[in-house]
N, C-alpha and C. Protein backbone atom coordinates (compact mmCIF):
# COMPACT_ATOMS: atom_id res chain seq x y z
N MET A 1 -32.98 135.01 283.78
CA MET A 1 -33.14 135.88 284.28
C MET A 1 -32.38 136.65 284.20
N GLY A 2 -32.13 138.17 283.77
CA GLY A 2 -30.85 138.94 283.05
C GLY A 2 -29.87 138.89 284.12
N GLU A 3 -28.84 139.36 283.49
CA GLU A 3 -27.79 139.61 284.03
C GLU A 3 -27.60 140.52 284.40
N THR A 4 -28.55 141.87 284.22
CA THR A 4 -27.34 143.30 284.07
C THR A 4 -29.19 143.71 283.86
N ILE A 5 -29.06 145.03 284.32
CA ILE A 5 -29.86 146.34 284.88
C ILE A 5 -30.90 146.31 283.62
N GLY A 6 -29.96 146.69 282.25
CA GLY A 6 -30.53 146.46 281.55
C GLY A 6 -31.28 145.16 280.59
N ASP A 7 -30.42 143.86 280.72
CA ASP A 7 -31.56 142.85 280.68
C ASP A 7 -32.49 142.36 281.27
N ARG A 8 -33.03 142.92 283.14
CA ARG A 8 -34.25 142.94 284.18
C ARG A 8 -34.77 143.27 283.40
N ILE A 9 -34.95 145.22 282.56
CA ILE A 9 -35.76 145.92 282.61
C ILE A 9 -36.10 145.91 280.75
N ALA A 10 -35.55 145.39 280.20
CA ALA A 10 -35.69 143.82 278.55
C ALA A 10 -37.00 143.42 278.48
N MET A 11 -36.61 142.02 280.24
CA MET A 11 -37.66 141.01 280.12
C MET A 11 -38.46 142.25 279.94
N LEU A 12 -38.57 142.48 281.85
CA LEU A 12 -40.04 143.07 282.56
C LEU A 12 -40.99 143.51 281.61
N LEU A 13 -40.46 144.38 280.40
CA LEU A 13 -41.09 145.74 280.19
C LEU A 13 -42.00 144.21 278.68
N LYS A 14 -40.25 143.43 278.02
CA LYS A 14 -41.47 142.47 277.58
C LYS A 14 -43.31 141.83 278.36
N LYS A 15 -42.41 141.33 279.21
CA LYS A 15 -43.80 140.69 280.23
C LYS A 15 -44.77 141.63 279.83
N SER A 16 -44.78 143.29 280.37
CA SER A 16 -45.40 144.47 280.71
C SER A 16 -46.77 144.42 279.21
N LYS A 17 -47.50 145.18 279.33
CA LYS A 17 -48.35 145.73 278.34
C LYS A 17 -48.46 146.79 277.94
N TYR A 18 -46.82 147.07 278.20
CA TYR A 18 -46.80 148.29 278.02
C TYR A 18 -45.52 148.62 276.29
N SER A 19 -45.52 149.34 276.15
CA SER A 19 -44.29 150.12 275.21
C SER A 19 -43.62 150.53 275.42
N GLN A 20 -41.97 150.43 274.92
CA GLN A 20 -40.60 150.58 274.97
C GLN A 20 -41.23 152.75 275.68
N LYS A 21 -42.09 152.99 273.90
CA LYS A 21 -41.90 154.32 274.60
C LYS A 21 -43.27 154.79 275.54
N GLU A 22 -44.06 153.46 275.89
CA GLU A 22 -44.95 153.80 277.05
C GLU A 22 -44.45 153.63 278.39
N LEU A 23 -43.41 153.10 278.57
CA LEU A 23 -42.77 153.33 279.65
C LEU A 23 -41.63 154.23 279.92
N ALA A 24 -40.59 154.90 278.61
CA ALA A 24 -40.39 155.67 279.07
C ALA A 24 -41.31 156.64 279.67
N GLY A 25 -42.35 157.08 278.69
CA GLY A 25 -43.10 158.19 278.96
C GLY A 25 -43.67 157.64 280.61
N MET A 26 -43.74 157.10 281.51
CA MET A 26 -43.97 156.52 283.02
C MET A 26 -42.90 156.77 283.35
N VAL A 27 -41.62 156.69 283.39
CA VAL A 27 -40.79 156.88 284.15
C VAL A 27 -39.98 158.62 284.11
N GLY A 28 -40.54 158.94 282.75
CA GLY A 28 -40.33 160.68 282.78
C GLY A 28 -38.16 160.64 281.91
N VAL A 29 -38.57 159.98 280.97
CA VAL A 29 -37.38 160.17 280.69
C VAL A 29 -37.77 159.64 279.09
N THR A 30 -36.38 159.67 277.73
CA THR A 30 -36.58 159.83 276.02
C THR A 30 -36.75 158.05 276.52
N GLU A 31 -37.56 158.22 274.97
CA GLU A 31 -37.42 157.10 274.53
C GLU A 31 -35.82 156.48 273.91
N ALA A 32 -35.54 157.42 273.53
CA ALA A 32 -33.80 156.64 273.36
C ALA A 32 -32.79 156.25 274.47
N THR A 33 -32.88 157.54 275.52
CA THR A 33 -32.94 157.26 276.83
C THR A 33 -33.10 155.23 277.73
N MET A 34 -34.86 155.33 277.88
CA MET A 34 -35.15 153.97 278.46
C MET A 34 -33.97 152.87 276.90
N SER A 35 -34.05 153.10 275.88
CA SER A 35 -33.31 152.48 274.63
C SER A 35 -31.63 152.36 275.45
N ARG A 36 -30.59 152.69 276.10
CA ARG A 36 -29.68 153.49 276.73
C ARG A 36 -29.65 152.47 277.57
N TYR A 37 -30.92 151.93 278.61
CA TYR A 37 -30.85 151.08 279.44
C TYR A 37 -30.81 149.79 278.96
N MET A 38 -31.78 149.65 278.28
CA MET A 38 -31.93 148.40 278.01
C MET A 38 -30.43 147.53 276.89
N ASN A 39 -30.04 148.56 276.54
CA ASN A 39 -28.55 148.14 276.36
C ASN A 39 -27.39 148.32 276.34
N ASN A 40 -27.30 148.63 278.16
CA ASN A 40 -26.64 148.68 279.08
C ASN A 40 -25.77 149.62 278.40
N GLU A 41 -26.21 150.70 277.77
CA GLU A 41 -24.74 152.19 277.26
C GLU A 41 -25.16 152.71 278.18
N ARG A 42 -26.59 152.65 279.08
CA ARG A 42 -25.99 154.07 280.57
C ARG A 42 -27.19 153.27 281.80
N VAL A 43 -27.18 153.58 283.07
CA VAL A 43 -27.35 152.93 284.45
C VAL A 43 -28.37 154.28 284.37
N PRO A 44 -29.35 153.47 284.58
CA PRO A 44 -30.79 154.40 285.36
C PRO A 44 -30.02 155.66 286.78
N LYS A 45 -30.18 156.47 286.96
CA LYS A 45 -30.70 157.36 287.94
C LYS A 45 -31.52 156.43 289.06
N THR A 46 -30.53 156.46 290.14
CA THR A 46 -31.47 155.38 291.55
C THR A 46 -32.98 156.40 291.00
N GLU A 47 -33.79 157.28 290.56
CA GLU A 47 -35.16 157.48 290.65
C GLU A 47 -35.58 157.20 290.12
N ILE A 48 -35.39 157.10 289.00
CA ILE A 48 -35.16 156.47 287.98
C ILE A 48 -35.74 154.97 288.02
N ILE A 49 -34.82 154.30 289.28
CA ILE A 49 -35.19 152.75 288.82
C ILE A 49 -36.79 152.61 289.46
N ALA A 50 -36.88 153.88 290.89
CA ALA A 50 -36.78 153.05 291.15
C ALA A 50 -38.57 153.43 290.18
N ASN A 51 -38.88 154.34 289.93
CA ASN A 51 -39.96 154.29 288.81
C ASN A 51 -40.52 152.86 287.97
N LEU A 52 -39.00 152.57 287.47
CA LEU A 52 -39.05 151.67 286.72
C LEU A 52 -39.72 149.90 287.42
N ALA A 53 -39.65 150.04 288.51
CA ALA A 53 -39.82 149.01 289.74
C ALA A 53 -40.91 149.21 289.96
N THR A 54 -41.82 150.61 290.40
CA THR A 54 -43.46 150.71 290.45
C THR A 54 -43.81 150.50 288.33
N ALA A 55 -43.25 151.12 287.16
CA ALA A 55 -44.42 150.37 286.47
C ALA A 55 -44.36 149.03 285.89
N LEU A 56 -42.82 148.19 286.29
CA LEU A 56 -42.29 147.75 285.62
C LEU A 56 -42.98 146.16 287.28
N ARG A 57 -43.95 146.53 288.03
CA ARG A 57 -44.75 145.68 289.41
C ARG A 57 -43.21 144.90 289.47
N THR A 58 -42.67 145.64 290.23
CA THR A 58 -41.36 144.56 290.99
C THR A 58 -40.67 145.75 291.40
N THR A 59 -39.52 145.51 292.80
CA THR A 59 -38.67 146.34 293.39
C THR A 59 -37.40 146.29 292.65
N SER A 60 -37.33 147.53 293.09
CA SER A 60 -35.49 148.45 292.65
C SER A 60 -34.28 147.65 292.60
N ASP A 61 -35.06 146.83 293.97
CA ASP A 61 -33.53 145.09 294.52
C ASP A 61 -33.77 144.26 293.37
N PHE A 62 -35.22 143.71 293.11
CA PHE A 62 -34.86 142.73 291.63
C PHE A 62 -33.67 143.92 290.38
N LEU A 63 -33.92 144.77 290.25
CA LEU A 63 -33.61 145.50 289.54
C LEU A 63 -32.16 145.89 289.03
N ILE A 64 -32.09 145.93 290.41
CA ILE A 64 -30.41 146.33 290.59
C ILE A 64 -29.76 144.89 291.06
N THR A 65 -29.77 144.58 291.77
CA THR A 65 -29.54 142.85 291.66
C THR A 65 -30.03 141.44 291.12
N GLY A 66 -30.97 141.73 290.33
CA GLY A 66 -31.94 140.11 290.38
C GLY A 66 -32.24 139.20 290.82
N LYS A 67 -32.55 139.89 291.91
CA LYS A 67 -32.99 138.91 293.37
C LYS A 67 -34.24 139.14 293.62
N GLU A 68 -34.91 138.01 293.52
CA GLU A 68 -36.24 138.40 294.13
C GLU A 68 -36.69 137.81 294.96
N THR A 69 -37.63 138.45 296.12
CA THR A 69 -38.56 137.92 296.97
C THR A 69 -38.96 137.20 297.40
N ASN A 70 -38.52 136.38 298.26
CA ASN A 70 -40.10 135.63 298.41
C ASN A 70 -40.90 135.86 299.72
N ASP A 71 -40.59 136.70 300.29
CA ASP A 71 -40.74 137.07 301.50
C ASP A 71 -42.94 137.74 301.95
N LYS A 72 -43.35 136.79 301.78
CA LYS A 72 -44.88 137.70 301.64
C LYS A 72 -45.06 138.81 301.90
N PHE A 73 -44.26 139.04 303.21
CA PHE A 73 -44.79 140.86 304.40
C PHE A 73 -44.17 141.56 303.19
N GLU A 74 -43.17 141.41 302.44
CA GLU A 74 -42.68 142.32 301.71
C GLU A 74 -43.78 142.64 300.26
N SER A 75 -43.84 141.19 299.86
CA SER A 75 -43.91 141.43 298.63
C SER A 75 -45.83 142.41 298.77
N ILE A 76 -46.58 142.25 300.40
CA ILE A 76 -48.04 143.12 300.22
C ILE A 76 -47.55 144.42 300.96
N SER A 77 -45.73 144.44 301.22
CA SER A 77 -45.62 146.20 301.67
C SER A 77 -45.68 146.92 300.41
N ASN A 78 -44.96 146.31 299.43
CA ASN A 78 -44.58 146.39 298.42
C ASN A 78 -45.90 147.11 297.12
N LEU A 79 -46.72 145.76 297.40
CA LEU A 79 -48.23 146.32 296.86
C LEU A 79 -48.54 147.87 297.33
N VAL A 80 -48.47 147.43 298.24
CA VAL A 80 -49.25 148.79 299.31
C VAL A 80 -48.63 149.88 298.76
N ALA A 81 -47.42 149.89 299.18
CA ALA A 81 -46.74 150.95 299.45
C ALA A 81 -47.23 151.55 297.70
N ARG A 82 -47.19 151.06 296.90
CA ARG A 82 -47.37 151.66 295.44
C ARG A 82 -48.79 152.81 295.12
N GLY A 83 -49.38 152.29 296.16
CA GLY A 83 -50.14 152.80 295.91
C GLY A 83 -51.69 152.12 295.76
N ALA A 84 -52.82 151.62 295.93
CA ALA A 84 -53.85 150.43 295.73
C ALA A 84 -54.59 151.60 295.11
N LYS A 85 -54.85 152.89 295.78
CA LYS A 85 -55.77 153.45 294.82
C LYS A 85 -55.79 153.95 293.30
N ASN A 86 -54.30 153.74 292.74
CA ASN A 86 -53.29 153.21 291.60
C ASN A 86 -53.72 151.76 291.11
N MET A 87 -53.91 151.17 292.02
CA MET A 87 -54.18 149.43 291.54
C MET A 87 -54.41 149.27 290.54
N THR A 88 -54.41 148.21 289.48
CA THR A 88 -55.38 147.73 288.74
C THR A 88 -55.88 147.10 289.41
N PRO A 89 -57.57 146.03 288.25
CA PRO A 89 -58.15 145.27 289.41
C PRO A 89 -57.59 144.21 289.23
N GLU A 90 -56.67 144.10 288.68
CA GLU A 90 -55.59 142.38 287.89
C GLU A 90 -54.75 142.07 289.59
N GLN A 91 -54.42 143.53 290.05
CA GLN A 91 -53.15 143.75 291.36
C GLN A 91 -54.44 144.18 292.37
N LYS A 92 -55.08 144.29 292.75
CA LYS A 92 -56.21 144.25 294.58
C LYS A 92 -56.29 142.80 294.08
N MET A 93 -56.73 141.90 292.61
CA MET A 93 -57.07 140.64 293.04
C MET A 93 -55.84 140.16 293.75
N GLU A 94 -54.14 140.33 293.29
CA GLU A 94 -53.17 140.48 293.72
C GLU A 94 -52.48 140.43 295.10
N LEU A 95 -53.27 141.64 295.68
CA LEU A 95 -52.92 142.07 297.04
C LEU A 95 -53.40 140.69 298.07
N ILE A 96 -55.16 141.26 297.48
CA ILE A 96 -55.63 140.11 298.11
C ILE A 96 -55.51 138.19 298.26
N ARG A 97 -54.52 138.04 297.37
CA ARG A 97 -54.29 136.52 297.08
C ARG A 97 -53.32 136.25 297.95
N ILE A 98 -52.54 137.67 298.20
CA ILE A 98 -51.59 137.39 299.55
C ILE A 98 -51.76 137.64 299.81
N LEU A 99 -52.51 138.44 300.78
CA LEU A 99 -53.59 138.72 302.20
C LEU A 99 -53.76 137.40 302.56
N SER A 100 -54.56 137.28 301.66
CA SER A 100 -55.41 135.75 302.08
C SER A 100 -54.34 134.41 302.64
N GLU A 101 -53.12 134.59 301.85
CA GLU A 101 -52.39 133.53 302.72
C GLU A 101 -51.46 133.87 303.96
N THR A 102 -51.68 134.43 303.78
CA THR A 102 -50.71 134.95 305.11
C THR A 102 -51.51 135.02 306.98
């Protein structure tokens, strides 16, 4: 797990299907700014962190602190809060899996 927010963004981006340019567009910054975040040259503002968390399917808390949650209820709320109508089929299946375990 990364030590800094930039390290965590880079790690999650690598796991995602997005390019750095696509992620930058999704969160409303330039590709150069995204590069600065990932290289720890700048720290994203709160609203950008929230957008990054949504785009990278994680939590703001994880991006900021590196702490992951094992709380199933929190996982469910985070998925639903991000808008089920905008979920990919894979995300919907993950939501169903989490709900069936509770």
